[in-house]
Amino acid sequence: MKLIILDRDGVINHDSDQFIKSPDEWQPLPGSLEAIARLSQADYHIVVATNQSGIGRGLFDMPTLNAIHDKMLKSVTHAGGRIDAIFFCPHTAEAGCNCRKPRSGMVEEIATRYNTDLKDVPAVGDSLRDLEAAARLGAQPILVLTGKGKKTQAKGGLPEGTQTYADLAEAVASLV
């Protein structure tokens, strides 16, 4: 089974320091929907793993998050792709949960649900916490320079073996 794990904000859609709080604020990055379609056509199972602390902060509620994800799913489908599952952590960093990246609980849940070892599974993110969560379980960390990616790269300290690409489309082109 071919599996790929994608972060959402900064990888698939534009990121915001004020959080993506409504479907109107969710805007895809250039080429990201087509990249997901390309993964779909190459028989990848595409899973999104995203921290959504805006819920824990009271900035938006579950129906709003569902509406944002519905817009994302419809946009991907319209481009000819699909997302198989969305995993998210609604907690703030202060909650100390195991599911919030950089901890690996959310990624472990993906491995359990898909009954697979994540060794060498591509995991695409724009922040160090995305890469660390994936690398802990042997997944292949891939940094994209969209979203917070350029700042993440400049800061350094990336997990060993991290691959870097300009954006999701370039990362996907290296895989399929």
N, C-alpha and C. Protein backbone atom coordinates (compact mmCIF):
# COMPACT_ATOMS: atom_id res chain seq x y z
N MET A 1 0.84 -1.18 0.00
CA MET A 1 0.00 0.00 0.00
C MET A 1 0.88 1.25 0.00
N LYS A 2 0.57 2.16 -0.90
CA LYS A 2 1.28 3.44 -0.95
C LYS A 2 0.47 4.44 -0.11
N LEU A 3 1.14 5.04 0.86
CA LEU A 3 0.51 5.97 1.79
C LEU A 3 1.35 7.23 1.84
N ILE A 4 0.69 8.38 1.95
CA ILE A 4 1.39 9.64 2.16
C ILE A 4 0.62 10.44 3.20
N ILE A 5 1.36 11.14 4.06
CA ILE A 5 0.76 11.97 5.11
C ILE A 5 1.08 13.42 4.77
N LEU A 6 0.04 14.25 4.73
CA LEU A 6 0.21 15.67 4.42
C LEU A 6 -0.27 16.52 5.58
N ASP A 7 0.51 17.53 5.93
CA ASP A 7 0.01 18.57 6.81
C ASP A 7 -0.96 19.41 5.98
N ARG A 8 -1.82 20.19 6.62
CA ARG A 8 -2.80 20.97 5.88
C ARG A 8 -2.31 22.40 5.63
N ASP A 9 -2.32 23.22 6.67
CA ASP A 9 -2.00 24.65 6.53
C ASP A 9 -0.52 24.84 6.17
N GLY A 10 -0.28 25.52 5.06
CA GLY A 10 1.09 25.76 4.60
C GLY A 10 1.59 24.71 3.63
N VAL A 11 0.84 23.62 3.47
CA VAL A 11 1.21 22.56 2.52
C VAL A 11 0.15 22.47 1.42
N ILE A 12 -1.11 22.34 1.84
CA ILE A 12 -2.22 22.25 0.88
C ILE A 12 -2.82 23.63 0.64
N ASN A 13 -2.95 24.39 1.69
CA ASN A 13 -3.58 25.71 1.60
C ASN A 13 -2.70 26.77 2.23
N HIS A 14 -3.00 28.02 1.93
CA HIS A 14 -2.29 29.14 2.53
C HIS A 14 -2.44 29.07 4.04
N ASP A 15 -1.38 29.44 4.74
CA ASP A 15 -1.37 29.46 6.19
C ASP A 15 -1.66 30.87 6.68
N SER A 16 -2.01 30.99 7.94
CA SER A 16 -2.25 32.31 8.54
C SER A 16 -1.86 32.26 10.00
N ASP A 17 -1.12 33.27 10.46
CA ASP A 17 -0.78 33.35 11.88
C ASP A 17 -2.03 33.56 12.73
N GLN A 18 -3.12 34.00 12.11
CA GLN A 18 -4.40 34.20 12.80
C GLN A 18 -5.31 32.98 12.66
N PHE A 19 -4.78 31.89 12.14
CA PHE A 19 -5.52 30.64 11.96
C PHE A 19 -6.50 30.74 10.78
N ILE A 20 -6.80 29.60 10.20
CA ILE A 20 -7.83 29.50 9.17
C ILE A 20 -9.12 29.21 9.95
N LYS A 21 -10.01 30.20 10.03
CA LYS A 21 -11.17 30.13 10.92
C LYS A 21 -12.50 29.97 10.21
N SER A 22 -12.48 29.93 8.87
CA SER A 22 -13.73 29.79 8.12
C SER A 22 -13.43 29.19 6.76
N PRO A 23 -14.44 28.63 6.12
CA PRO A 23 -14.22 28.11 4.76
C PRO A 23 -13.72 29.20 3.80
N ASP A 24 -14.16 30.43 3.97
CA ASP A 24 -13.72 31.51 3.08
C ASP A 24 -12.22 31.77 3.21
N GLU A 25 -11.67 31.54 4.40
CA GLU A 25 -10.24 31.76 4.62
C GLU A 25 -9.38 30.62 4.07
N TRP A 26 -10.00 29.48 3.82
CA TRP A 26 -9.26 28.33 3.27
C TRP A 26 -9.06 28.55 1.78
N GLN A 27 -7.82 28.76 1.37
CA GLN A 27 -7.49 28.97 -0.04
C GLN A 27 -6.33 28.06 -0.41
N PRO A 28 -6.50 27.22 -1.46
CA PRO A 28 -5.43 26.29 -1.81
C PRO A 28 -4.19 27.02 -2.32
N LEU A 29 -3.04 26.42 -2.05
CA LEU A 29 -1.79 26.92 -2.62
C LEU A 29 -1.73 26.53 -4.10
N PRO A 30 -1.11 27.34 -4.91
CA PRO A 30 -1.00 27.01 -6.34
C PRO A 30 -0.39 25.62 -6.54
N GLY A 31 -1.06 24.79 -7.33
CA GLY A 31 -0.55 23.47 -7.66
C GLY A 31 -0.83 22.38 -6.65
N SER A 32 -1.32 22.73 -5.46
CA SER A 32 -1.49 21.70 -4.42
C SER A 32 -2.63 20.73 -4.75
N LEU A 33 -3.73 21.23 -5.26
CA LEU A 33 -4.85 20.34 -5.58
C LEU A 33 -4.48 19.39 -6.72
N GLU A 34 -3.78 19.90 -7.70
CA GLU A 34 -3.34 19.07 -8.81
C GLU A 34 -2.33 18.02 -8.33
N ALA A 35 -1.49 18.40 -7.37
CA ALA A 35 -0.51 17.45 -6.82
C ALA A 35 -1.23 16.30 -6.10
N ILE A 36 -2.28 16.64 -5.36
CA ILE A 36 -3.05 15.60 -4.68
C ILE A 36 -3.74 14.71 -5.70
N ALA A 37 -4.25 15.30 -6.77
CA ALA A 37 -4.86 14.51 -7.85
C ALA A 37 -3.84 13.55 -8.45
N ARG A 38 -2.63 14.03 -8.62
CA ARG A 38 -1.57 13.18 -9.18
C ARG A 38 -1.27 12.01 -8.25
N LEU A 39 -1.24 12.26 -6.94
CA LEU A 39 -1.05 11.18 -5.97
C LEU A 39 -2.19 10.17 -6.05
N SER A 40 -3.41 10.68 -6.17
CA SER A 40 -4.59 9.80 -6.27
C SER A 40 -4.48 8.90 -7.50
N GLN A 41 -4.09 9.49 -8.61
CA GLN A 41 -3.98 8.73 -9.85
C GLN A 41 -2.84 7.71 -9.80
N ALA A 42 -1.87 7.93 -8.89
CA ALA A 42 -0.76 6.99 -8.70
C ALA A 42 -1.09 5.99 -7.59
N ASP A 43 -2.36 5.92 -7.19
CA ASP A 43 -2.86 4.96 -6.19
C ASP A 43 -2.31 5.14 -4.78
N TYR A 44 -1.98 6.36 -4.42
CA TYR A 44 -1.61 6.66 -3.04
C TYR A 44 -2.86 6.79 -2.18
N HIS A 45 -2.77 6.36 -0.94
CA HIS A 45 -3.76 6.69 0.08
C HIS A 45 -3.27 7.99 0.69
N ILE A 46 -4.09 9.02 0.65
CA ILE A 46 -3.69 10.36 1.07
C ILE A 46 -4.39 10.69 2.38
N VAL A 47 -3.57 10.97 3.39
CA VAL A 47 -4.07 11.26 4.72
C VAL A 47 -3.55 12.63 5.14
N VAL A 48 -4.43 13.45 5.68
CA VAL A 48 -4.06 14.75 6.21
C VAL A 48 -3.95 14.62 7.73
N ALA A 49 -2.86 15.14 8.29
CA ALA A 49 -2.65 15.18 9.74
C ALA A 49 -2.37 16.62 10.12
N THR A 50 -3.27 17.23 10.88
CA THR A 50 -3.19 18.67 11.12
C THR A 50 -3.50 19.05 12.56
N ASN A 51 -2.66 19.90 13.12
CA ASN A 51 -2.96 20.52 14.42
C ASN A 51 -3.99 21.61 14.17
N GLN A 52 -5.06 21.61 14.95
CA GLN A 52 -6.11 22.63 14.82
C GLN A 52 -6.45 23.20 16.20
N SER A 53 -5.45 23.85 16.80
CA SER A 53 -5.63 24.39 18.15
C SER A 53 -6.61 25.55 18.19
N GLY A 54 -7.04 26.04 17.04
CA GLY A 54 -8.07 27.08 17.02
C GLY A 54 -9.35 26.61 17.71
N ILE A 55 -9.59 25.31 17.69
CA ILE A 55 -10.75 24.76 18.40
C ILE A 55 -10.54 24.94 19.90
N GLY A 56 -9.39 24.48 20.40
CA GLY A 56 -9.08 24.61 21.82
C GLY A 56 -9.00 26.05 22.29
N ARG A 57 -8.66 26.94 21.40
CA ARG A 57 -8.56 28.37 21.73
C ARG A 57 -9.92 29.07 21.64
N GLY A 58 -10.94 28.36 21.13
CA GLY A 58 -12.26 28.94 21.00
C GLY A 58 -12.41 29.86 19.80
N LEU A 59 -11.50 29.76 18.82
CA LEU A 59 -11.56 30.62 17.64
C LEU A 59 -12.57 30.13 16.61
N PHE A 60 -12.85 28.82 16.64
CA PHE A 60 -13.88 28.22 15.79
C PHE A 60 -14.31 26.92 16.43
N ASP A 61 -15.43 26.39 15.94
CA ASP A 61 -15.98 25.17 16.54
C ASP A 61 -15.91 24.00 15.55
N MET A 62 -16.35 22.83 15.99
CA MET A 62 -16.29 21.64 15.14
C MET A 62 -17.10 21.78 13.85
N PRO A 63 -18.32 22.32 13.90
CA PRO A 63 -19.04 22.49 12.63
C PRO A 63 -18.26 23.36 11.63
N THR A 64 -17.56 24.38 12.13
CA THR A 64 -16.77 25.23 11.24
C THR A 64 -15.58 24.46 10.68
N LEU A 65 -14.88 23.69 11.54
CA LEU A 65 -13.77 22.87 11.04
C LEU A 65 -14.28 21.89 9.99
N ASN A 66 -15.43 21.28 10.24
CA ASN A 66 -16.00 20.36 9.25
C ASN A 66 -16.31 21.07 7.94
N ALA A 67 -16.79 22.30 8.01
CA ALA A 67 -17.09 23.07 6.80
C ALA A 67 -15.80 23.41 6.04
N ILE A 68 -14.75 23.74 6.77
CA ILE A 68 -13.46 24.02 6.13
C ILE A 68 -12.97 22.76 5.41
N HIS A 69 -13.04 21.63 6.11
CA HIS A 69 -12.58 20.37 5.51
C HIS A 69 -13.46 19.95 4.34
N ASP A 70 -14.75 20.24 4.43
CA ASP A 70 -15.64 19.93 3.32
C ASP A 70 -15.24 20.72 2.08
N LYS A 71 -14.90 21.99 2.27
CA LYS A 71 -14.45 22.81 1.14
C LYS A 71 -13.17 22.23 0.56
N MET A 72 -12.23 21.82 1.43
CA MET A 72 -10.98 21.24 0.96
C MET A 72 -11.25 19.96 0.17
N LEU A 73 -12.08 19.07 0.71
CA LEU A 73 -12.37 17.80 0.05
C LEU A 73 -13.04 18.01 -1.31
N LYS A 74 -14.00 18.94 -1.37
CA LYS A 74 -14.68 19.23 -2.64
C LYS A 74 -13.70 19.83 -3.66
N SER A 75 -12.80 20.68 -3.19
CA SER A 75 -11.82 21.29 -4.09
C SER A 75 -10.88 20.23 -4.66
N VAL A 76 -10.45 19.31 -3.80
CA VAL A 76 -9.57 18.22 -4.25
C VAL A 76 -10.30 17.33 -5.25
N THR A 77 -11.54 16.99 -4.94
CA THR A 77 -12.34 16.14 -5.84
C THR A 77 -12.53 16.83 -7.19
N HIS A 78 -12.82 18.13 -7.17
CA HIS A 78 -13.00 18.89 -8.40
C HIS A 78 -11.73 18.87 -9.27
N ALA A 79 -10.57 18.79 -8.61
CA ALA A 79 -9.29 18.75 -9.34
C ALA A 79 -8.94 17.32 -9.79
N GLY A 80 -9.79 16.35 -9.45
CA GLY A 80 -9.54 14.98 -9.88
C GLY A 80 -8.84 14.10 -8.87
N GLY A 81 -8.78 14.55 -7.62
CA GLY A 81 -8.10 13.78 -6.58
C GLY A 81 -9.03 13.40 -5.45
N ARG A 82 -8.45 12.85 -4.41
CA ARG A 82 -9.21 12.50 -3.22
C ARG A 82 -8.29 12.53 -2.01
N ILE A 83 -8.89 12.77 -0.87
CA ILE A 83 -8.20 12.64 0.42
C ILE A 83 -8.95 11.54 1.15
N ASP A 84 -8.22 10.52 1.59
CA ASP A 84 -8.85 9.35 2.19
C ASP A 84 -9.28 9.58 3.64
N ALA A 85 -8.51 10.38 4.37
CA ALA A 85 -8.83 10.61 5.78
C ALA A 85 -8.19 11.90 6.25
N ILE A 86 -8.82 12.50 7.26
CA ILE A 86 -8.28 13.69 7.91
C ILE A 86 -8.19 13.40 9.39
N PHE A 87 -6.99 13.50 9.95
CA PHE A 87 -6.77 13.36 11.37
C PHE A 87 -6.40 14.75 11.89
N PHE A 88 -6.94 15.12 13.05
CA PHE A 88 -6.61 16.44 13.57
C PHE A 88 -6.53 16.40 15.09
N CYS A 89 -5.74 17.33 15.62
CA CYS A 89 -5.64 17.54 17.06
C CYS A 89 -6.30 18.88 17.36
N PRO A 90 -7.35 18.89 18.21
CA PRO A 90 -8.03 20.14 18.53
C PRO A 90 -7.44 20.88 19.74
N HIS A 91 -6.39 20.33 20.33
CA HIS A 91 -5.87 20.83 21.60
C HIS A 91 -4.85 21.95 21.43
N THR A 92 -4.73 22.77 22.45
CA THR A 92 -3.66 23.77 22.50
C THR A 92 -2.38 23.09 22.98
N ALA A 93 -1.27 23.75 22.78
CA ALA A 93 0.02 23.20 23.23
C ALA A 93 0.02 22.99 24.74
N GLU A 94 -0.67 23.86 25.46
CA GLU A 94 -0.70 23.79 26.92
C GLU A 94 -1.46 22.55 27.44
N ALA A 95 -2.27 21.95 26.60
CA ALA A 95 -3.05 20.79 27.02
C ALA A 95 -2.16 19.57 27.27
N GLY A 96 -0.99 19.53 26.64
CA GLY A 96 -0.06 18.44 26.86
C GLY A 96 -0.53 17.09 26.32
N CYS A 97 -1.38 17.09 25.32
CA CYS A 97 -1.90 15.84 24.75
C CYS A 97 -0.80 15.12 23.96
N ASN A 98 -1.07 13.89 23.62
CA ASN A 98 -0.12 13.11 22.83
C ASN A 98 -0.39 13.24 21.33
N CYS A 99 -1.55 13.79 20.95
CA CYS A 99 -1.88 13.84 19.52
C CYS A 99 -1.33 15.08 18.82
N ARG A 100 -1.00 16.12 19.56
CA ARG A 100 -0.52 17.36 18.94
C ARG A 100 0.92 17.20 18.47
N LYS A 101 1.13 17.44 17.17
CA LYS A 101 2.50 17.41 16.65
C LYS A 101 3.30 18.51 17.35
N PRO A 102 4.52 18.27 17.81
CA PRO A 102 5.48 17.27 17.37
C PRO A 102 5.38 15.90 18.05
N ARG A 103 4.46 15.74 18.99
CA ARG A 103 4.29 14.40 19.53
C ARG A 103 3.71 13.51 18.45
N SER A 104 3.82 12.23 18.63
CA SER A 104 3.53 11.33 17.51
C SER A 104 2.19 10.61 17.61
N GLY A 105 1.33 10.97 18.56
CA GLY A 105 0.07 10.25 18.73
C GLY A 105 -0.82 10.23 17.50
N MET A 106 -0.93 11.35 16.81
CA MET A 106 -1.78 11.42 15.62
C MET A 106 -1.21 10.52 14.51
N VAL A 107 0.10 10.55 14.36
CA VAL A 107 0.75 9.74 13.33
C VAL A 107 0.66 8.26 13.70
N GLU A 108 0.77 7.94 14.99
CA GLU A 108 0.60 6.56 15.44
C GLU A 108 -0.81 6.06 15.13
N GLU A 109 -1.80 6.93 15.31
CA GLU A 109 -3.19 6.57 15.01
C GLU A 109 -3.36 6.27 13.51
N ILE A 110 -2.67 7.02 12.67
CA ILE A 110 -2.72 6.75 11.23
C ILE A 110 -2.15 5.35 10.95
N ALA A 111 -1.02 5.03 11.56
CA ALA A 111 -0.41 3.71 11.37
C ALA A 111 -1.35 2.61 11.83
N THR A 112 -2.03 2.82 12.95
CA THR A 112 -2.98 1.83 13.48
C THR A 112 -4.17 1.67 12.54
N ARG A 113 -4.76 2.78 12.15
CA ARG A 113 -5.95 2.73 11.29
C ARG A 113 -5.67 2.09 9.94
N TYR A 114 -4.46 2.32 9.42
CA TYR A 114 -4.09 1.76 8.12
C TYR A 114 -3.34 0.43 8.26
N ASN A 115 -3.19 -0.02 9.51
CA ASN A 115 -2.54 -1.30 9.80
C ASN A 115 -1.22 -1.43 9.03
N THR A 116 -0.36 -0.41 9.19
CA THR A 116 0.88 -0.39 8.44
C THR A 116 2.02 0.19 9.27
N ASP A 117 3.20 -0.21 8.91
CA ASP A 117 4.43 0.37 9.45
C ASP A 117 4.68 1.64 8.64
N LEU A 118 5.05 2.72 9.29
CA LEU A 118 5.25 3.97 8.56
C LEU A 118 6.67 4.14 8.04
N LYS A 119 7.49 3.11 8.13
CA LYS A 119 8.86 3.22 7.66
C LYS A 119 8.87 3.69 6.21
N ASP A 120 9.55 4.80 6.00
CA ASP A 120 9.73 5.40 4.68
C ASP A 120 8.46 5.96 4.04
N VAL A 121 7.36 6.03 4.77
CA VAL A 121 6.15 6.66 4.25
C VAL A 121 6.42 8.17 4.16
N PRO A 122 6.19 8.79 3.00
CA PRO A 122 6.42 10.23 2.90
C PRO A 122 5.46 11.01 3.81
N ALA A 123 6.02 11.96 4.53
CA ALA A 123 5.24 12.83 5.41
C ALA A 123 5.65 14.27 5.11
N VAL A 124 4.73 15.02 4.54
CA VAL A 124 5.04 16.36 4.03
C VAL A 124 4.52 17.42 4.99
N GLY A 125 5.42 18.33 5.38
CA GLY A 125 5.03 19.42 6.27
C GLY A 125 5.84 20.66 5.99
N ASP A 126 5.41 21.76 6.63
CA ASP A 126 6.14 23.02 6.48
C ASP A 126 6.75 23.48 7.79
N SER A 127 6.58 22.69 8.86
CA SER A 127 7.14 23.09 10.15
C SER A 127 7.93 21.93 10.76
N LEU A 128 8.83 22.26 11.65
CA LEU A 128 9.66 21.26 12.31
C LEU A 128 8.80 20.24 13.03
N ARG A 129 7.72 20.69 13.67
CA ARG A 129 6.88 19.75 14.42
C ARG A 129 6.24 18.69 13.52
N ASP A 130 5.89 19.06 12.28
CA ASP A 130 5.36 18.08 11.33
C ASP A 130 6.40 17.00 11.05
N LEU A 131 7.62 17.43 10.80
CA LEU A 131 8.70 16.53 10.43
C LEU A 131 9.11 15.64 11.60
N GLU A 132 9.17 16.22 12.80
CA GLU A 132 9.57 15.45 13.98
C GLU A 132 8.56 14.36 14.30
N ALA A 133 7.28 14.65 14.22
CA ALA A 133 6.24 13.66 14.52
C ALA A 133 6.37 12.47 13.58
N ALA A 134 6.62 12.74 12.31
CA ALA A 134 6.73 11.67 11.32
C ALA A 134 8.02 10.88 11.49
N ALA A 135 9.12 11.60 11.68
CA ALA A 135 10.43 10.94 11.78
C ALA A 135 10.50 10.00 12.98
N ARG A 136 9.80 10.32 14.06
CA ARG A 136 9.79 9.46 15.25
C ARG A 136 9.33 8.04 14.93
N LEU A 137 8.47 7.92 13.92
CA LEU A 137 7.92 6.61 13.56
C LEU A 137 8.55 6.04 12.29
N GLY A 138 9.66 6.64 11.87
CA GLY A 138 10.38 6.11 10.72
C GLY A 138 9.87 6.58 9.37
N ALA A 139 8.91 7.49 9.37
CA ALA A 139 8.42 8.04 8.10
C ALA A 139 9.49 8.93 7.48
N GLN A 140 9.38 9.17 6.18
CA GLN A 140 10.32 10.02 5.45
C GLN A 140 9.88 11.47 5.56
N PRO A 141 10.60 12.30 6.36
CA PRO A 141 10.20 13.71 6.47
C PRO A 141 10.52 14.49 5.20
N ILE A 142 9.51 15.23 4.74
CA ILE A 142 9.66 16.07 3.55
C ILE A 142 9.21 17.48 3.91
N LEU A 143 10.13 18.42 3.78
CA LEU A 143 9.84 19.83 4.04
C LEU A 143 9.51 20.53 2.75
N VAL A 144 8.38 21.25 2.74
CA VAL A 144 8.07 22.12 1.61
C VAL A 144 8.31 23.56 2.06
N LEU A 145 8.74 24.39 1.14
CA LEU A 145 9.12 25.76 1.47
C LEU A 145 7.97 26.75 1.38
N THR A 146 6.75 26.23 1.27
CA THR A 146 5.55 27.06 1.34
C THR A 146 5.19 27.23 2.81
N GLY A 147 4.19 28.06 3.10
CA GLY A 147 3.79 28.26 4.49
C GLY A 147 4.96 28.73 5.34
N LYS A 148 5.25 28.00 6.42
CA LYS A 148 6.36 28.33 7.32
C LYS A 148 7.66 27.64 6.89
N GLY A 149 7.65 26.98 5.74
CA GLY A 149 8.77 26.15 5.32
C GLY A 149 10.10 26.86 5.21
N LYS A 150 10.13 28.07 4.65
CA LYS A 150 11.40 28.79 4.52
C LYS A 150 11.98 29.13 5.88
N LYS A 151 11.12 29.54 6.81
CA LYS A 151 11.58 29.83 8.18
C LYS A 151 12.07 28.56 8.86
N THR A 152 11.37 27.46 8.64
CA THR A 152 11.77 26.18 9.22
C THR A 152 13.13 25.77 8.69
N GLN A 153 13.34 25.91 7.40
CA GLN A 153 14.63 25.55 6.80
C GLN A 153 15.74 26.43 7.34
N ALA A 154 15.50 27.73 7.45
CA ALA A 154 16.52 28.66 7.91
C ALA A 154 16.90 28.40 9.37
N LYS A 155 15.95 27.96 10.17
CA LYS A 155 16.19 27.69 11.58
C LYS A 155 17.08 26.47 11.78
N GLY A 156 16.98 25.50 10.85
CA GLY A 156 17.81 24.30 10.93
C GLY A 156 17.28 23.29 11.94
N GLY A 157 18.10 22.29 12.23
CA GLY A 157 17.72 21.26 13.19
C GLY A 157 16.71 20.27 12.64
N LEU A 158 16.67 20.11 11.32
CA LEU A 158 15.72 19.20 10.70
C LEU A 158 16.10 17.75 11.00
N PRO A 159 15.10 16.86 11.07
CA PRO A 159 15.42 15.44 11.27
C PRO A 159 16.35 14.94 10.16
N GLU A 160 17.20 14.01 10.52
CA GLU A 160 18.13 13.42 9.56
C GLU A 160 17.37 12.85 8.36
N GLY A 161 17.90 13.12 7.17
CA GLY A 161 17.30 12.58 5.96
C GLY A 161 16.14 13.37 5.41
N THR A 162 15.85 14.54 6.00
CA THR A 162 14.74 15.36 5.50
C THR A 162 15.01 15.78 4.07
N GLN A 163 14.02 15.57 3.21
CA GLN A 163 14.09 16.05 1.83
C GLN A 163 13.37 17.39 1.77
N THR A 164 13.85 18.29 0.92
CA THR A 164 13.27 19.63 0.82
C THR A 164 12.87 19.91 -0.62
N TYR A 165 11.66 20.46 -0.76
CA TYR A 165 11.13 20.82 -2.08
C TYR A 165 10.46 22.18 -2.00
N ALA A 166 10.33 22.85 -3.14
CA ALA A 166 9.73 24.17 -3.20
C ALA A 166 8.28 24.16 -2.72
N ASP A 167 7.54 23.11 -3.11
CA ASP A 167 6.12 23.04 -2.76
C ASP A 167 5.64 21.60 -2.89
N LEU A 168 4.35 21.39 -2.63
CA LEU A 168 3.79 20.05 -2.69
C LEU A 168 3.90 19.47 -4.10
N ALA A 169 3.67 20.28 -5.11
CA ALA A 169 3.75 19.78 -6.49
C ALA A 169 5.14 19.23 -6.80
N GLU A 170 6.18 19.92 -6.37
CA GLU A 170 7.55 19.45 -6.62
C GLU A 170 7.84 18.18 -5.82
N ALA A 171 7.35 18.11 -4.58
CA ALA A 171 7.55 16.91 -3.76
C ALA A 171 6.86 15.72 -4.42
N VAL A 172 5.63 15.92 -4.88
CA VAL A 172 4.88 14.83 -5.51
C VAL A 172 5.57 14.39 -6.81
N ALA A 173 6.08 15.33 -7.56
CA ALA A 173 6.78 14.97 -8.81
C ALA A 173 7.97 14.06 -8.53
N SER A 174 8.58 14.19 -7.37
CA SER A 174 9.73 13.32 -7.03
C SER A 174 9.26 11.91 -6.63
N LEU A 175 7.99 11.78 -6.28
CA LEU A 175 7.46 10.50 -5.80
C LEU A 175 6.79 9.66 -6.88
N VAL A 176 6.16 10.32 -7.85
CA VAL A 176 5.39 9.56 -8.86
C VAL A 176 5.98 9.66 -10.25
